[in-house]
Amino acid sequence: MSTYLYLQCDSHNPPLQSPHEVGQHLRNLPRIREEINQRQDLYRAHQGGYLGYESDYDSLFTRTLRTFLIQHPHCSLRIVDEYGDTHPLNPKEEE
């Protein structure tokens, strides 16, 4: 079953949500968390003009995720699904 996942930035008032989905299934959570954990590297690469993070093979989900991370490099983020449920950034918090 699909569960669309979005990023939400809580450092803005009101909170900002990614314009599109960053994943379609809960099994995408590890990939999303890994990208969030590497967002400083992504941001530095983007600032340096390195566009190697984007390729024609990246999915819309990945491009949306990376674009949002570049726009919010230091913000407090959360993962929310289409039902309004929040998923922790740390997988150990799910247990």
N, C-alpha and C. Protein backbone atom coordinates (compact mmCIF):
# COMPACT_ATOMS: atom_id res chain seq x y z
N MET A 1 0.84 -1.17 0.00
CA MET A 1 0.00 0.00 0.00
C MET A 1 0.89 1.25 0.00
N SER A 2 0.51 2.22 -0.76
CA SER A 2 1.25 3.46 -0.84
C SER A 2 0.98 4.34 0.38
N THR A 3 2.03 4.98 0.84
CA THR A 3 1.93 6.00 1.88
C THR A 3 2.87 7.12 1.45
N TYR A 4 2.32 8.17 0.88
CA TYR A 4 3.17 9.25 0.41
C TYR A 4 3.83 9.96 1.57
N LEU A 5 5.13 10.23 1.40
CA LEU A 5 5.95 10.85 2.44
C LEU A 5 6.43 12.21 1.97
N TYR A 6 6.46 13.15 2.90
CA TYR A 6 6.87 14.53 2.62
C TYR A 6 7.88 14.96 3.68
N LEU A 7 8.67 15.97 3.36
CA LEU A 7 9.50 16.61 4.36
C LEU A 7 8.78 17.87 4.83
N GLN A 8 8.95 18.16 6.10
CA GLN A 8 8.38 19.38 6.67
C GLN A 8 9.47 20.11 7.43
N CYS A 9 9.57 21.41 7.19
CA CYS A 9 10.53 22.25 7.88
C CYS A 9 9.79 23.00 8.98
N ASP A 10 10.16 22.72 10.23
CA ASP A 10 9.52 23.34 11.37
C ASP A 10 10.22 24.62 11.81
N SER A 11 11.27 25.01 11.10
CA SER A 11 12.00 26.24 11.45
C SER A 11 11.33 27.48 10.88
N HIS A 12 10.31 27.29 10.11
CA HIS A 12 9.56 28.40 9.53
C HIS A 12 8.18 28.45 10.16
N ASN A 13 7.59 29.64 10.17
CA ASN A 13 6.27 29.80 10.75
C ASN A 13 5.37 30.44 9.69
N PRO A 14 4.42 29.73 9.17
CA PRO A 14 4.06 28.35 9.47
C PRO A 14 5.08 27.37 8.87
N PRO A 15 5.08 26.13 9.36
CA PRO A 15 6.00 25.12 8.81
C PRO A 15 5.80 24.97 7.30
N LEU A 16 6.89 24.72 6.60
CA LEU A 16 6.86 24.52 5.15
C LEU A 16 6.95 23.03 4.85
N GLN A 17 6.19 22.60 3.86
CA GLN A 17 6.22 21.19 3.47
C GLN A 17 6.74 21.10 2.04
N SER A 18 7.44 20.01 1.75
CA SER A 18 7.94 19.81 0.39
C SER A 18 6.76 19.85 -0.58
N PRO A 19 6.96 20.44 -1.76
CA PRO A 19 5.84 20.62 -2.69
C PRO A 19 5.33 19.31 -3.29
N HIS A 20 6.19 18.31 -3.27
CA HIS A 20 5.84 17.00 -3.81
C HIS A 20 6.32 15.93 -2.84
N GLU A 21 5.96 14.70 -3.12
CA GLU A 21 6.37 13.59 -2.27
C GLU A 21 7.87 13.34 -2.38
N VAL A 22 8.46 12.88 -1.26
CA VAL A 22 9.87 12.48 -1.26
C VAL A 22 9.99 10.96 -1.20
N GLY A 23 8.88 10.29 -1.09
CA GLY A 23 8.82 8.83 -1.08
C GLY A 23 7.38 8.40 -1.18
N GLN A 24 7.20 7.12 -1.55
CA GLN A 24 5.85 6.63 -1.76
C GLN A 24 5.49 5.49 -0.82
N HIS A 25 6.47 4.93 -0.15
CA HIS A 25 6.23 3.79 0.74
C HIS A 25 7.06 3.97 2.01
N LEU A 26 6.60 3.37 3.09
CA LEU A 26 7.36 3.43 4.34
C LEU A 26 8.73 2.78 4.18
N ARG A 27 8.87 1.87 3.24
CA ARG A 27 10.19 1.25 3.00
C ARG A 27 11.19 2.26 2.45
N ASN A 28 10.73 3.44 2.02
CA ASN A 28 11.62 4.51 1.56
C ASN A 28 12.23 5.30 2.71
N LEU A 29 11.76 5.10 3.94
CA LEU A 29 12.25 5.87 5.08
C LEU A 29 13.77 5.77 5.26
N PRO A 30 14.40 4.59 5.14
CA PRO A 30 15.86 4.55 5.30
C PRO A 30 16.60 5.44 4.30
N ARG A 31 16.15 5.45 3.05
CA ARG A 31 16.79 6.29 2.02
C ARG A 31 16.60 7.77 2.36
N ILE A 32 15.41 8.14 2.78
CA ILE A 32 15.12 9.53 3.13
C ILE A 32 15.97 9.96 4.31
N ARG A 33 16.05 9.11 5.33
CA ARG A 33 16.86 9.44 6.51
C ARG A 33 18.33 9.58 6.15
N GLU A 34 18.82 8.71 5.29
CA GLU A 34 20.22 8.78 4.87
C GLU A 34 20.50 10.10 4.15
N GLU A 35 19.60 10.51 3.28
CA GLU A 35 19.77 11.78 2.56
C GLU A 35 19.76 12.94 3.55
N ILE A 36 18.86 12.91 4.53
CA ILE A 36 18.80 13.98 5.54
C ILE A 36 20.11 14.03 6.31
N ASN A 37 20.65 12.88 6.68
CA ASN A 37 21.90 12.84 7.42
C ASN A 37 23.08 13.36 6.61
N GLN A 38 22.97 13.34 5.30
CA GLN A 38 24.06 13.81 4.42
C GLN A 38 23.77 15.18 3.81
N ARG A 39 22.78 15.88 4.34
CA ARG A 39 22.37 17.14 3.71
C ARG A 39 23.44 18.21 3.73
N GLN A 40 24.33 18.22 4.72
CA GLN A 40 25.41 19.21 4.73
C GLN A 40 26.35 18.99 3.56
N ASP A 41 26.65 17.73 3.25
CA ASP A 41 27.49 17.42 2.09
C ASP A 41 26.80 17.85 0.80
N LEU A 42 25.52 17.58 0.72
CA LEU A 42 24.74 17.97 -0.46
C LEU A 42 24.75 19.49 -0.62
N TYR A 43 24.54 20.19 0.48
CA TYR A 43 24.51 21.65 0.45
C TYR A 43 25.86 22.22 0.02
N ARG A 44 26.94 21.69 0.59
CA ARG A 44 28.28 22.17 0.21
C ARG A 44 28.57 21.90 -1.26
N ALA A 45 28.17 20.74 -1.74
CA ALA A 45 28.38 20.41 -3.15
C ALA A 45 27.58 21.36 -4.04
N HIS A 46 26.37 21.64 -3.64
CA HIS A 46 25.53 22.57 -4.40
C HIS A 46 26.14 23.97 -4.42
N GLN A 47 26.62 24.44 -3.27
CA GLN A 47 27.23 25.78 -3.18
C GLN A 47 28.50 25.85 -4.01
N GLY A 48 29.19 24.73 -4.12
CA GLY A 48 30.42 24.70 -4.90
C GLY A 48 30.20 24.55 -6.39
N GLY A 49 28.93 24.47 -6.80
CA GLY A 49 28.63 24.35 -8.22
C GLY A 49 28.67 22.93 -8.74
N TYR A 50 28.85 21.98 -7.85
CA TYR A 50 28.90 20.59 -8.27
C TYR A 50 27.47 20.07 -8.40
N LEU A 51 27.09 19.69 -9.59
CA LEU A 51 25.72 19.23 -9.83
C LEU A 51 25.64 17.72 -9.98
N GLY A 52 26.68 17.02 -9.60
CA GLY A 52 26.71 15.57 -9.75
C GLY A 52 25.69 14.83 -8.90
N TYR A 53 25.07 15.53 -7.97
CA TYR A 53 24.05 14.89 -7.15
C TYR A 53 22.77 14.64 -7.94
N GLU A 54 22.62 15.31 -9.05
CA GLU A 54 21.41 15.15 -9.85
C GLU A 54 21.77 14.43 -11.14
N SER A 55 20.96 13.47 -11.49
CA SER A 55 21.17 12.78 -12.74
C SER A 55 19.81 12.49 -13.37
N ASP A 56 19.85 12.13 -14.62
CA ASP A 56 18.61 11.80 -15.32
C ASP A 56 17.95 10.56 -14.72
N TYR A 57 18.71 9.78 -13.95
CA TYR A 57 18.19 8.55 -13.40
C TYR A 57 17.54 8.74 -12.03
N ASP A 58 17.73 9.91 -11.43
CA ASP A 58 17.10 10.18 -10.14
C ASP A 58 15.59 10.29 -10.32
N SER A 59 14.89 9.74 -9.39
CA SER A 59 13.43 9.80 -9.45
C SER A 59 12.94 11.18 -9.04
N LEU A 60 11.70 11.46 -9.34
CA LEU A 60 11.09 12.71 -8.89
C LEU A 60 11.17 12.81 -7.38
N PHE A 61 11.00 11.68 -6.69
CA PHE A 61 11.08 11.68 -5.23
C PHE A 61 12.45 12.15 -4.76
N THR A 62 13.50 11.63 -5.38
CA THR A 62 14.87 11.99 -4.99
C THR A 62 15.15 13.45 -5.31
N ARG A 63 14.74 13.91 -6.45
CA ARG A 63 14.98 15.31 -6.82
C ARG A 63 14.23 16.25 -5.89
N THR A 64 13.00 15.90 -5.54
CA THR A 64 12.22 16.73 -4.60
C THR A 64 12.90 16.76 -3.25
N LEU A 65 13.34 15.60 -2.77
CA LEU A 65 14.01 15.49 -1.48
C LEU A 65 15.27 16.34 -1.45
N ARG A 66 16.11 16.20 -2.45
CA ARG A 66 17.38 16.93 -2.48
C ARG A 66 17.18 18.43 -2.64
N THR A 67 16.22 18.83 -3.43
CA THR A 67 15.93 20.26 -3.60
C THR A 67 15.49 20.87 -2.27
N PHE A 68 14.62 20.16 -1.55
CA PHE A 68 14.14 20.67 -0.26
C PHE A 68 15.30 20.74 0.74
N LEU A 69 16.16 19.73 0.74
CA LEU A 69 17.30 19.73 1.67
C LEU A 69 18.26 20.88 1.38
N ILE A 70 18.49 21.16 0.11
CA ILE A 70 19.36 22.29 -0.25
C ILE A 70 18.75 23.61 0.20
N GLN A 71 17.44 23.72 0.13
CA GLN A 71 16.77 24.95 0.53
C GLN A 71 16.68 25.11 2.05
N HIS A 72 16.88 24.01 2.79
CA HIS A 72 16.75 24.03 4.26
C HIS A 72 17.94 23.30 4.90
N PRO A 73 19.16 23.81 4.68
CA PRO A 73 20.35 23.08 5.12
C PRO A 73 20.53 23.03 6.64
N HIS A 74 19.97 23.97 7.37
CA HIS A 74 20.19 24.03 8.82
C HIS A 74 18.89 23.96 9.61
N CYS A 75 17.80 23.72 8.94
CA CYS A 75 16.49 23.77 9.58
C CYS A 75 16.14 22.47 10.30
N SER A 76 15.19 22.59 11.19
CA SER A 76 14.64 21.44 11.89
C SER A 76 13.60 20.78 10.98
N LEU A 77 13.86 19.53 10.63
CA LEU A 77 13.00 18.82 9.70
C LEU A 77 12.28 17.67 10.37
N ARG A 78 11.20 17.28 9.73
CA ARG A 78 10.51 16.05 10.12
C ARG A 78 9.96 15.40 8.85
N ILE A 79 9.69 14.11 8.97
CA ILE A 79 9.10 13.36 7.88
C ILE A 79 7.64 13.14 8.25
N VAL A 80 6.74 13.55 7.36
CA VAL A 80 5.31 13.36 7.60
C VAL A 80 4.72 12.60 6.42
N ASP A 81 3.65 11.87 6.70
CA ASP A 81 3.01 11.16 5.61
C ASP A 81 1.69 11.82 5.25
N GLU A 82 1.06 11.28 4.25
CA GLU A 82 -0.17 11.89 3.74
C GLU A 82 -1.31 11.89 4.76
N TYR A 83 -1.17 11.10 5.82
CA TYR A 83 -2.20 11.03 6.86
C TYR A 83 -1.90 11.95 8.04
N GLY A 84 -0.77 12.68 7.96
CA GLY A 84 -0.40 13.59 9.02
C GLY A 84 0.44 12.96 10.12
N ASP A 85 0.77 11.67 9.96
CA ASP A 85 1.61 10.99 10.94
C ASP A 85 3.06 11.39 10.73
N THR A 86 3.79 11.54 11.83
CA THR A 86 5.20 11.90 11.79
C THR A 86 6.04 10.64 11.95
N HIS A 87 7.13 10.58 11.19
CA HIS A 87 8.06 9.45 11.27
C HIS A 87 9.41 10.01 11.73
N PRO A 88 9.99 9.42 12.78
CA PRO A 88 11.22 9.99 13.35
C PRO A 88 12.39 9.96 12.37
N LEU A 89 13.27 10.94 12.53
CA LEU A 89 14.48 10.98 11.71
C LEU A 89 15.45 9.87 12.11
N ASN A 90 15.37 9.46 13.36
CA ASN A 90 16.22 8.38 13.86
C ASN A 90 15.39 7.10 13.90
N PRO A 91 15.78 6.06 13.16
CA PRO A 91 14.97 4.84 13.11
C PRO A 91 14.82 4.16 14.47
N LYS A 92 15.76 4.38 15.40
CA LYS A 92 15.67 3.76 16.72
C LYS A 92 14.49 4.30 17.51
N GLU A 93 14.01 5.48 17.16
CA GLU A 93 12.86 6.06 17.84
C GLU A 93 11.55 5.42 17.43
N GLU A 94 11.56 4.61 16.37
CA GLU A 94 10.34 3.95 15.91
C GLU A 94 10.03 2.71 16.74
N GLU A 95 11.04 2.16 17.36
CA GLU A 95 10.86 0.90 18.09
C GLU A 95 10.05 1.07 19.35
